[in-house]
Amino acid sequence: MKKCAIIKGPLSLAVLILLTVGCVNHQGEKPSLRSDVSTANASLCFGLNDASKLKCEVKVEKDLKELFLKNFGFNRYFLTIFLSGFVIRFILSIFKACAIRQGEADYWDEVTGARVIYRGKSRWVRFRNAFIGFSKDQQRRTIDDYWLAPLTGFAELYAYPIFIVANKWEFTGAWITIKVASTWGSWQRTRTAYSRFLFGNLLVLVVSLFFLCKLVKS
């Protein structure tokens, strides 16, 4: 009965696609797994007698159902994290572009002692520079963050819902306290950057509470 183990490889991917399409076509109705996995049953249970074949088909159907549910929920969770992180980055980049126009990216050159003013050529350029976060231009060194903050945000979007569902609020609170404490006083230098930091954390918490927690519970 080794053939009755959980299906792996190309066959499992093909079956998952069939199951996904079946779910979409039923539009909310519970799909029939037996009709969708008939090909898998014929391949894996070929050559068995009637009694063994029946047991094999039941086992295959159960394994495929568990595999589909686990993969679908797992992938949807990470897809939501990925999309939410990019949306949050997009929103914060809009505010950062406005701040650049007001002089947030200006700095004093350490060699000449002169003030370097950076405004960008247009709104689109300012937004693009803020969103991308990578550049070899020395004038943009106060803008580039190398996506370290968004990567931290992705990790938070992954961890917060798990802590919340497990009723471990102390872990979430401790991490937020560490973040706020490490940036304390930065509002005196640039109030807009500190406000974006707080707003970004708020967005992460909102997405975790109202969207990702539901996926973790399901």
C-alpha atoms as a PDB file:
ATOM      1  CA  MET A   1       0.000   0.000   0.000  1.00  0.00           C
ATOM      2  CA  LYS A   2       2.957   2.346  -0.490  1.00  0.00           C
ATOM      3  CA  LYS A   3       1.094   3.837  -3.418  1.00  0.00           C
ATOM      4  CA  CYS A   4      -1.468   5.176  -0.974  1.00  0.00           C
ATOM      5  CA  ALA A   5       0.981   7.606   0.646  1.00  0.00           C
ATOM      6  CA  ILE A   6       0.418  11.323   0.263  1.00  0.00           C
ATOM      7  CA  ILE A   7       1.000  12.167  -3.388  1.00  0.00           C
ATOM      8  CA  LYS A   8       4.066  14.202  -4.221  1.00  0.00           C
ATOM      9  CA  GLY A   9       5.608  15.674  -7.345  1.00  0.00           C
ATOM     10  CA  PRO A  10       3.953  16.722 -10.620  1.00  0.00           C
ATOM     11  CA  LEU A  11       0.887  14.541 -10.100  1.00  0.00           C
ATOM     12  CA  SER A  12       0.019  16.264  -6.818  1.00  0.00           C
ATOM     13  CA  LEU A  13       0.462  19.689  -8.453  1.00  0.00           C
ATOM     14  CA  ALA A  14      -1.851  18.703 -11.295  1.00  0.00           C
ATOM     15  CA  VAL A  15      -4.465  17.393  -8.881  1.00  0.00           C
ATOM     16  CA  LEU A  16      -4.245  20.570  -6.789  1.00  0.00           C
ATOM     17  CA  ILE A  17      -4.894  22.643  -9.904  1.00  0.00           C
ATOM     18  CA  LEU A  18      -7.906  20.477 -10.745  1.00  0.00           C
ATOM     19  CA  LEU A  19      -9.267  20.858  -7.224  1.00  0.00           C
ATOM     20  CA  THR A  20      -8.761  24.625  -7.293  1.00  0.00           C
ATOM     21  CA  VAL A  21     -10.553  24.934 -10.618  1.00  0.00           C
ATOM     22  CA  GLY A  22     -13.335  22.726  -9.261  1.00  0.00           C
ATOM     23  CA  CYS A  23     -13.769  24.977  -6.237  1.00  0.00           C
ATOM     24  CA  VAL A  24     -13.989  28.052  -8.455  1.00  0.00           C
ATOM     25  CA  ASN A  25     -16.512  26.431 -10.795  1.00  0.00           C
ATOM     26  CA  HIS A  26     -18.760  25.402  -7.904  1.00  0.00           C
ATOM     27  CA  GLN A  27     -18.801  29.030  -6.654  1.00  0.00           C
ATOM     28  CA  GLY A  28     -19.151  28.310  -2.986  1.00  0.00           C
ATOM     29  CA  GLU A  29     -20.650  24.825  -3.231  1.00  0.00           C
ATOM     30  CA  LYS A  30     -18.717  21.935  -1.727  1.00  0.00           C
ATOM     31  CA  PRO A  31     -16.873  20.277  -4.628  1.00  0.00           C
ATOM     32  CA  SER A  32     -16.842  16.523  -5.182  1.00  0.00           C
ATOM     33  CA  LEU A  33     -13.292  15.347  -4.592  1.00  0.00           C
ATOM     34  CA  ARG A  34     -14.041  11.874  -5.958  1.00  0.00           C
ATOM     35  CA  SER A  35     -14.772  13.252  -9.419  1.00  0.00           C
ATOM     36  CA  ASP A  36     -11.672  15.451  -9.372  1.00  0.00           C
ATOM     37  CA  VAL A  37      -9.241  12.736  -8.239  1.00  0.00           C
ATOM     38  CA  SER A  38     -10.442   9.967 -10.506  1.00  0.00           C
ATOM     39  CA  THR A  39      -7.237  10.200 -12.529  1.00  0.00           C
ATOM     40  CA  ALA A  40      -5.131   9.877  -9.395  1.00  0.00           C
ATOM     41  CA  ASN A  41      -7.164   6.885  -8.223  1.00  0.00           C
ATOM     42  CA  ALA A  42      -6.745   5.131 -11.557  1.00  0.00           C
ATOM     43  CA  SER A  43      -2.981   5.696 -11.508  1.00  0.00           C
ATOM     44  CA  LEU A  44      -2.266   4.808  -7.904  1.00  0.00           C
ATOM     45  CA  CYS A  45      -4.732   1.983  -7.350  1.00  0.00           C
ATOM     46  CA  PHE A  46      -4.268   0.192 -10.657  1.00  0.00           C
ATOM     47  CA  GLY A  47      -3.884  -3.561 -10.473  1.00  0.00           C
ATOM     48  CA  LEU A  48      -5.384  -4.058  -7.001  1.00  0.00           C
ATOM     49  CA  ASN A  49      -8.296  -6.300  -6.182  1.00  0.00           C
ATOM     50  CA  ASP A  50     -11.687  -4.796  -5.405  1.00  0.00           C
ATOM     51  CA  ALA A  51     -11.277  -4.657  -1.621  1.00  0.00           C
ATOM     52  CA  SER A  52      -7.755  -3.227  -1.749  1.00  0.00           C
ATOM     53  CA  LYS A  53      -8.716  -0.835  -4.530  1.00  0.00           C
ATOM     54  CA  LEU A  54     -11.590   0.580  -2.475  1.00  0.00           C
ATOM     55  CA  LYS A  55      -9.317   1.145   0.529  1.00  0.00           C
ATOM     56  CA  CYS A  56      -6.716   2.701  -1.734  1.00  0.00           C
ATOM     57  CA  GLU A  57      -9.229   5.115  -3.301  1.00  0.00           C
ATOM     58  CA  VAL A  58     -10.495   6.195   0.132  1.00  0.00           C
ATOM     59  CA  LYS A  59      -6.931   6.771   1.323  1.00  0.00           C
ATOM     60  CA  VAL A  60      -5.971   8.698  -1.821  1.00  0.00           C
ATOM     61  CA  GLU A  61      -9.058  10.902  -1.578  1.00  0.00           C
ATOM     62  CA  LYS A  62      -8.365  11.650   2.093  1.00  0.00           C
ATOM     63  CA  ASP A  63      -4.701  12.425   1.454  1.00  0.00           C
ATOM     64  CA  LEU A  64      -5.502  14.681  -1.487  1.00  0.00           C
ATOM     65  CA  LYS A  65      -8.138  16.549   0.477  1.00  0.00           C
ATOM     66  CA  GLU A  66      -5.736  17.174   3.365  1.00  0.00           C
ATOM     67  CA  LEU A  67      -2.969  18.163   0.950  1.00  0.00           C
ATOM     68  CA  PHE A  68      -5.220  20.589  -0.893  1.00  0.00           C
ATOM     69  CA  LEU A  69      -6.569  22.229   2.254  1.00  0.00           C
ATOM     70  CA  LYS A  70      -3.122  22.601   3.808  1.00  0.00           C
ATOM     71  CA  ASN A  71      -1.511  23.993   0.666  1.00  0.00           C
ATOM     72  CA  PHE A  72      -4.424  26.276  -0.189  1.00  0.00           C
ATOM     73  CA  GLY A  73      -4.616  27.782   3.306  1.00  0.00           C
ATOM     74  CA  PHE A  74      -0.838  28.035   3.645  1.00  0.00           C
ATOM     75  CA  ASN A  75      -0.376  29.687   0.249  1.00  0.00           C
ATOM     76  CA  ARG A  76      -3.289  32.074   0.772  1.00  0.00           C
ATOM     77  CA  TYR A  77      -1.783  33.144   4.105  1.00  0.00           C
ATOM     78  CA  PHE A  78       1.580  33.979   2.550  1.00  0.00           C
ATOM     79  CA  LEU A  79      -0.042  35.585  -0.482  1.00  0.00           C
ATOM     80  CA  THR A  80      -2.030  37.882   1.840  1.00  0.00           C
ATOM     81  CA  ILE A  81       1.165  38.755   3.720  1.00  0.00           C
ATOM     82  CA  PHE A  82       2.977  39.488   0.456  1.00  0.00           C
ATOM     83  CA  LEU A  83       0.219  41.694  -0.983  1.00  0.00           C
ATOM     84  CA  SER A  84      -0.402  43.493   2.321  1.00  0.00           C
ATOM     85  CA  GLY A  85       3.295  44.268   2.702  1.00  0.00           C
ATOM     86  CA  PHE A  86       3.488  45.796  -0.754  1.00  0.00           C
ATOM     87  CA  VAL A  87       0.307  47.822  -0.239  1.00  0.00           C
ATOM     88  CA  ILE A  88       1.668  49.202   3.042  1.00  0.00           C
ATOM     89  CA  ARG A  89       4.972  50.019   1.317  1.00  0.00           C
ATOM     90  CA  PHE A  90       3.053  51.782  -1.458  1.00  0.00           C
ATOM     91  CA  ILE A  91       1.045  53.910   0.980  1.00  0.00           C
ATOM     92  CA  LEU A  92       4.060  54.881   3.069  1.00  0.00           C
ATOM     93  CA  SER A  93       6.049  55.739  -0.074  1.00  0.00           C
ATOM     94  CA  ILE A  94       3.382  58.273  -1.046  1.00  0.00           C
ATOM     95  CA  PHE A  95       3.782  60.054   2.281  1.00  0.00           C
ATOM     96  CA  LYS A  96       7.560  59.787   2.064  1.00  0.00           C
ATOM     97  CA  ALA A  97       7.536  61.375  -1.402  1.00  0.00           C
ATOM     98  CA  CYS A  98       5.580  64.314   0.016  1.00  0.00           C
ATOM     99  CA  ALA A  99       8.084  64.625   2.867  1.00  0.00           C
ATOM    100  CA  ILE A 100      11.004  64.629   0.414  1.00  0.00           C
ATOM    101  CA  ARG A 101       9.427  67.575  -1.346  1.00  0.00           C
ATOM    102  CA  GLN A 102       9.367  69.406   1.996  1.00  0.00           C
ATOM    103  CA  GLY A 103      13.070  68.771   2.576  1.00  0.00           C
ATOM    104  CA  GLU A 104      13.175  65.558   4.604  1.00  0.00           C
ATOM    105  CA  ALA A 105      15.953  64.139   2.395  1.00  0.00           C
ATOM    106  CA  ASP A 106      18.242  67.180   2.751  1.00  0.00           C
ATOM    107  CA  TYR A 107      21.480  66.680   4.668  1.00  0.00           C
ATOM    108  CA  TRP A 108      24.760  68.383   5.523  1.00  0.00           C
ATOM    109  CA  ASP A 109      27.792  67.196   3.577  1.00  0.00           C
ATOM    110  CA  GLU A 110      30.481  65.951   5.964  1.00  0.00           C
ATOM    111  CA  VAL A 111      33.358  67.080   3.731  1.00  0.00           C
ATOM    112  CA  THR A 112      32.300  70.488   2.468  1.00  0.00           C
ATOM    113  CA  GLY A 113      29.928  71.324   5.296  1.00  0.00           C
ATOM    114  CA  ALA A 114      27.387  72.518   2.733  1.00  0.00           C
ATOM    115  CA  ARG A 115      23.724  71.637   2.840  1.00  0.00           C
ATOM    116  CA  VAL A 116      22.775  69.171   0.106  1.00  0.00           C
ATOM    117  CA  ILE A 117      19.251  69.748  -1.099  1.00  0.00           C
ATOM    118  CA  TYR A 118      17.369  66.918  -2.780  1.00  0.00           C
ATOM    119  CA  ARG A 119      13.840  67.349  -4.082  1.00  0.00           C
ATOM    120  CA  GLY A 120      13.639  64.990  -7.051  1.00  0.00           C
ATOM    121  CA  LYS A 121      12.637  65.975 -10.555  1.00  0.00           C
ATOM    122  CA  SER A 122       8.928  65.216 -10.161  1.00  0.00           C
ATOM    123  CA  ARG A 123       6.366  63.578  -7.919  1.00  0.00           C
ATOM    124  CA  TRP A 124       6.791  60.308  -9.771  1.00  0.00           C
ATOM    125  CA  VAL A 125      10.586  60.362  -9.298  1.00  0.00           C
ATOM    126  CA  ARG A 126      10.220  61.063  -5.589  1.00  0.00           C
ATOM    127  CA  PHE A 127       7.716  58.244  -5.188  1.00  0.00           C
ATOM    128  CA  ARG A 128       9.809  55.831  -7.248  1.00  0.00           C
ATOM    129  CA  ASN A 129      12.935  56.567  -5.233  1.00  0.00           C
ATOM    130  CA  ALA A 130      11.049  56.153  -1.956  1.00  0.00           C
ATOM    131  CA  PHE A 131       9.444  52.875  -3.047  1.00  0.00           C
ATOM    132  CA  ILE A 132      12.509  51.215  -4.598  1.00  0.00           C
ATOM    133  CA  GLY A 133      14.838  52.090  -1.713  1.00  0.00           C
ATOM    134  CA  PHE A 134      18.044  51.275  -3.635  1.00  0.00           C
ATOM    135  CA  SER A 135      20.407  53.693  -5.359  1.00  0.00           C
ATOM    136  CA  LYS A 136      24.074  54.453  -6.037  1.00  0.00           C
ATOM    137  CA  ASP A 137      23.354  58.179  -5.975  1.00  0.00           C
ATOM    138  CA  GLN A 138      24.952  59.733  -2.893  1.00  0.00           C
ATOM    139  CA  GLN A 139      22.297  62.440  -2.849  1.00  0.00           C
ATOM    140  CA  ARG A 140      19.689  59.773  -2.089  1.00  0.00           C
ATOM    141  CA  ARG A 141      21.503  58.206   0.836  1.00  0.00           C
ATOM    142  CA  THR A 142      18.967  59.601   3.291  1.00  0.00           C
ATOM    143  CA  ILE A 143      16.125  58.079   1.238  1.00  0.00           C
ATOM    144  CA  ASP A 144      17.366  54.543   0.627  1.00  0.00           C
ATOM    145  CA  ASP A 145      16.375  51.965   3.231  1.00  0.00           C
ATOM    146  CA  TYR A 146      17.344  48.852   1.211  1.00  0.00           C
ATOM    147  CA  TRP A 147      13.940  47.391   2.050  1.00  0.00           C
ATOM    148  CA  LEU A 148      15.012  46.544   5.594  1.00  0.00           C
ATOM    149  CA  ALA A 149      11.877  48.090   7.086  1.00  0.00           C
ATOM    150  CA  PRO A 150       9.508  46.262   4.702  1.00  0.00           C
ATOM    151  CA  LEU A 151      11.286  42.956   5.361  1.00  0.00           C
ATOM    152  CA  THR A 152      10.734  43.530   9.067  1.00  0.00           C
ATOM    153  CA  GLY A 153       7.109  44.283   8.265  1.00  0.00           C
ATOM    154  CA  PHE A 154       6.725  40.995   6.373  1.00  0.00           C
ATOM    155  CA  ALA A 155       8.072  39.140   9.411  1.00  0.00           C
ATOM    156  CA  GLU A 156       5.638  40.994  11.661  1.00  0.00           C
ATOM    157  CA  LEU A 157       2.700  40.186   9.376  1.00  0.00           C
ATOM    158  CA  TYR A 158       3.668  36.535   9.631  1.00  0.00           C
ATOM    159  CA  ALA A 159       4.223  36.446  13.405  1.00  0.00           C
ATOM    160  CA  TYR A 160       1.595  38.827  14.825  1.00  0.00           C
ATOM    161  CA  PRO A 161      -1.485  36.779  13.818  1.00  0.00           C
ATOM    162  CA  ILE A 162       0.031  33.615  15.272  1.00  0.00           C
ATOM    163  CA  PHE A 163       0.789  35.352  18.575  1.00  0.00           C
ATOM    164  CA  ILE A 164      -2.665  36.945  18.678  1.00  0.00           C
ATOM    165  CA  VAL A 165      -4.547  33.709  17.970  1.00  0.00           C
ATOM    166  CA  ALA A 166      -2.402  31.940  20.580  1.00  0.00           C
ATOM    167  CA  ASN A 167      -3.315  34.744  23.016  1.00  0.00           C
ATOM    168  CA  LYS A 168       0.350  35.711  23.395  1.00  0.00           C
ATOM    169  CA  TRP A 169      -0.137  39.465  23.266  1.00  0.00           C
ATOM    170  CA  GLU A 170       2.919  39.998  25.444  1.00  0.00           C
ATOM    171  CA  PHE A 171       5.227  39.009  22.574  1.00  0.00           C
ATOM    172  CA  THR A 172       3.598  41.478  20.198  1.00  0.00           C
ATOM    173  CA  GLY A 173       3.599  44.216  22.832  1.00  0.00           C
ATOM    174  CA  ALA A 174       7.234  43.584  23.748  1.00  0.00           C
ATOM    175  CA  TRP A 175       8.369  43.809  20.132  1.00  0.00           C
ATOM    176  CA  ILE A 176       6.441  47.035  19.501  1.00  0.00           C
ATOM    177  CA  THR A 177       7.881  48.500  22.716  1.00  0.00           C
ATOM    178  CA  ILE A 178      11.416  47.672  21.565  1.00  0.00           C
ATOM    179  CA  LYS A 179      10.776  49.286  18.174  1.00  0.00           C
ATOM    180  CA  VAL A 180       9.314  52.464  19.650  1.00  0.00           C
ATOM    181  CA  ALA A 181      12.081  52.722  22.250  1.00  0.00           C
ATOM    182  CA  SER A 182      14.797  52.335  19.618  1.00  0.00           C
ATOM    183  CA  THR A 183      13.388  55.194  17.564  1.00  0.00           C
ATOM    184  CA  TRP A 184      12.510  57.438  20.506  1.00  0.00           C
ATOM    185  CA  GLY A 185      13.721  60.977  19.924  1.00  0.00           C
ATOM    186  CA  SER A 186      13.800  60.688  16.140  1.00  0.00           C
ATOM    187  CA  TRP A 187      10.601  62.757  15.972  1.00  0.00           C
ATOM    188  CA  GLN A 188      12.696  65.737  17.090  1.00  0.00           C
ATOM    189  CA  ARG A 189      14.816  65.435  13.935  1.00  0.00           C
ATOM    190  CA  THR A 190      12.087  64.497  11.455  1.00  0.00           C
ATOM    191  CA  ARG A 191       8.530  64.370  12.667  1.00  0.00           C
ATOM    192  CA  THR A 192       7.151  63.027   9.371  1.00  0.00           C
ATOM    193  CA  ALA A 193       9.450  59.981   9.381  1.00  0.00           C
ATOM    194  CA  TYR A 194       8.437  59.088  12.939  1.00  0.00           C
ATOM    195  CA  SER A 195       4.771  59.541  12.054  1.00  0.00           C
ATOM    196  CA  ARG A 196       5.181  57.193   9.082  1.00  0.00           C
ATOM    197  CA  PHE A 197       6.843  54.685  11.397  1.00  0.00           C
ATOM    198  CA  LEU A 198       3.852  54.752  13.755  1.00  0.00           C
ATOM    199  CA  PHE A 199       1.353  54.657  10.903  1.00  0.00           C
ATOM    200  CA  GLY A 200       3.130  51.686   9.310  1.00  0.00           C
ATOM    201  CA  ASN A 201       2.983  49.749  12.586  1.00  0.00           C
ATOM    202  CA  LEU A 202      -0.712  50.591  12.882  1.00  0.00           C
ATOM    203  CA  LEU A 203      -1.391  49.250   9.384  1.00  0.00           C
ATOM    204  CA  VAL A 204       0.471  46.022  10.178  1.00  0.00           C
ATOM    205  CA  LEU A 205      -1.615  45.530  13.317  1.00  0.00           C
ATOM    206  CA  VAL A 206      -4.874  46.233  11.478  1.00  0.00           C
ATOM    207  CA  VAL A 207      -4.075  43.736   8.714  1.00  0.00           C
ATOM    208  CA  SER A 208      -2.998  41.147  11.276  1.00  0.00           C
ATOM    209  CA  LEU A 209      -6.116  41.549  13.429  1.00  0.00           C
ATOM    210  CA  PHE A 210      -8.827  41.799  10.788  1.00  0.00           C
ATOM    211  CA  PHE A 211      -7.475  39.660   7.937  1.00  0.00           C
ATOM    212  CA  LEU A 212      -4.589  37.361   8.787  1.00  0.00           C
ATOM    213  CA  CYS A 213      -5.992  36.184  12.125  1.00  0.00           C
ATOM    214  CA  LYS A 214      -9.010  34.784  10.298  1.00  0.00           C
ATOM    215  CA  LEU A 215      -6.718  32.750   8.043  1.00  0.00           C
ATOM    216  CA  VAL A 216      -4.765  31.419  11.016  1.00  0.00           C
ATOM    217  CA  LYS A 217      -7.980  30.373  12.783  1.00  0.00           C
ATOM    218  CA  SER A 218      -9.325  28.686   9.655  1.00  0.00           C
END
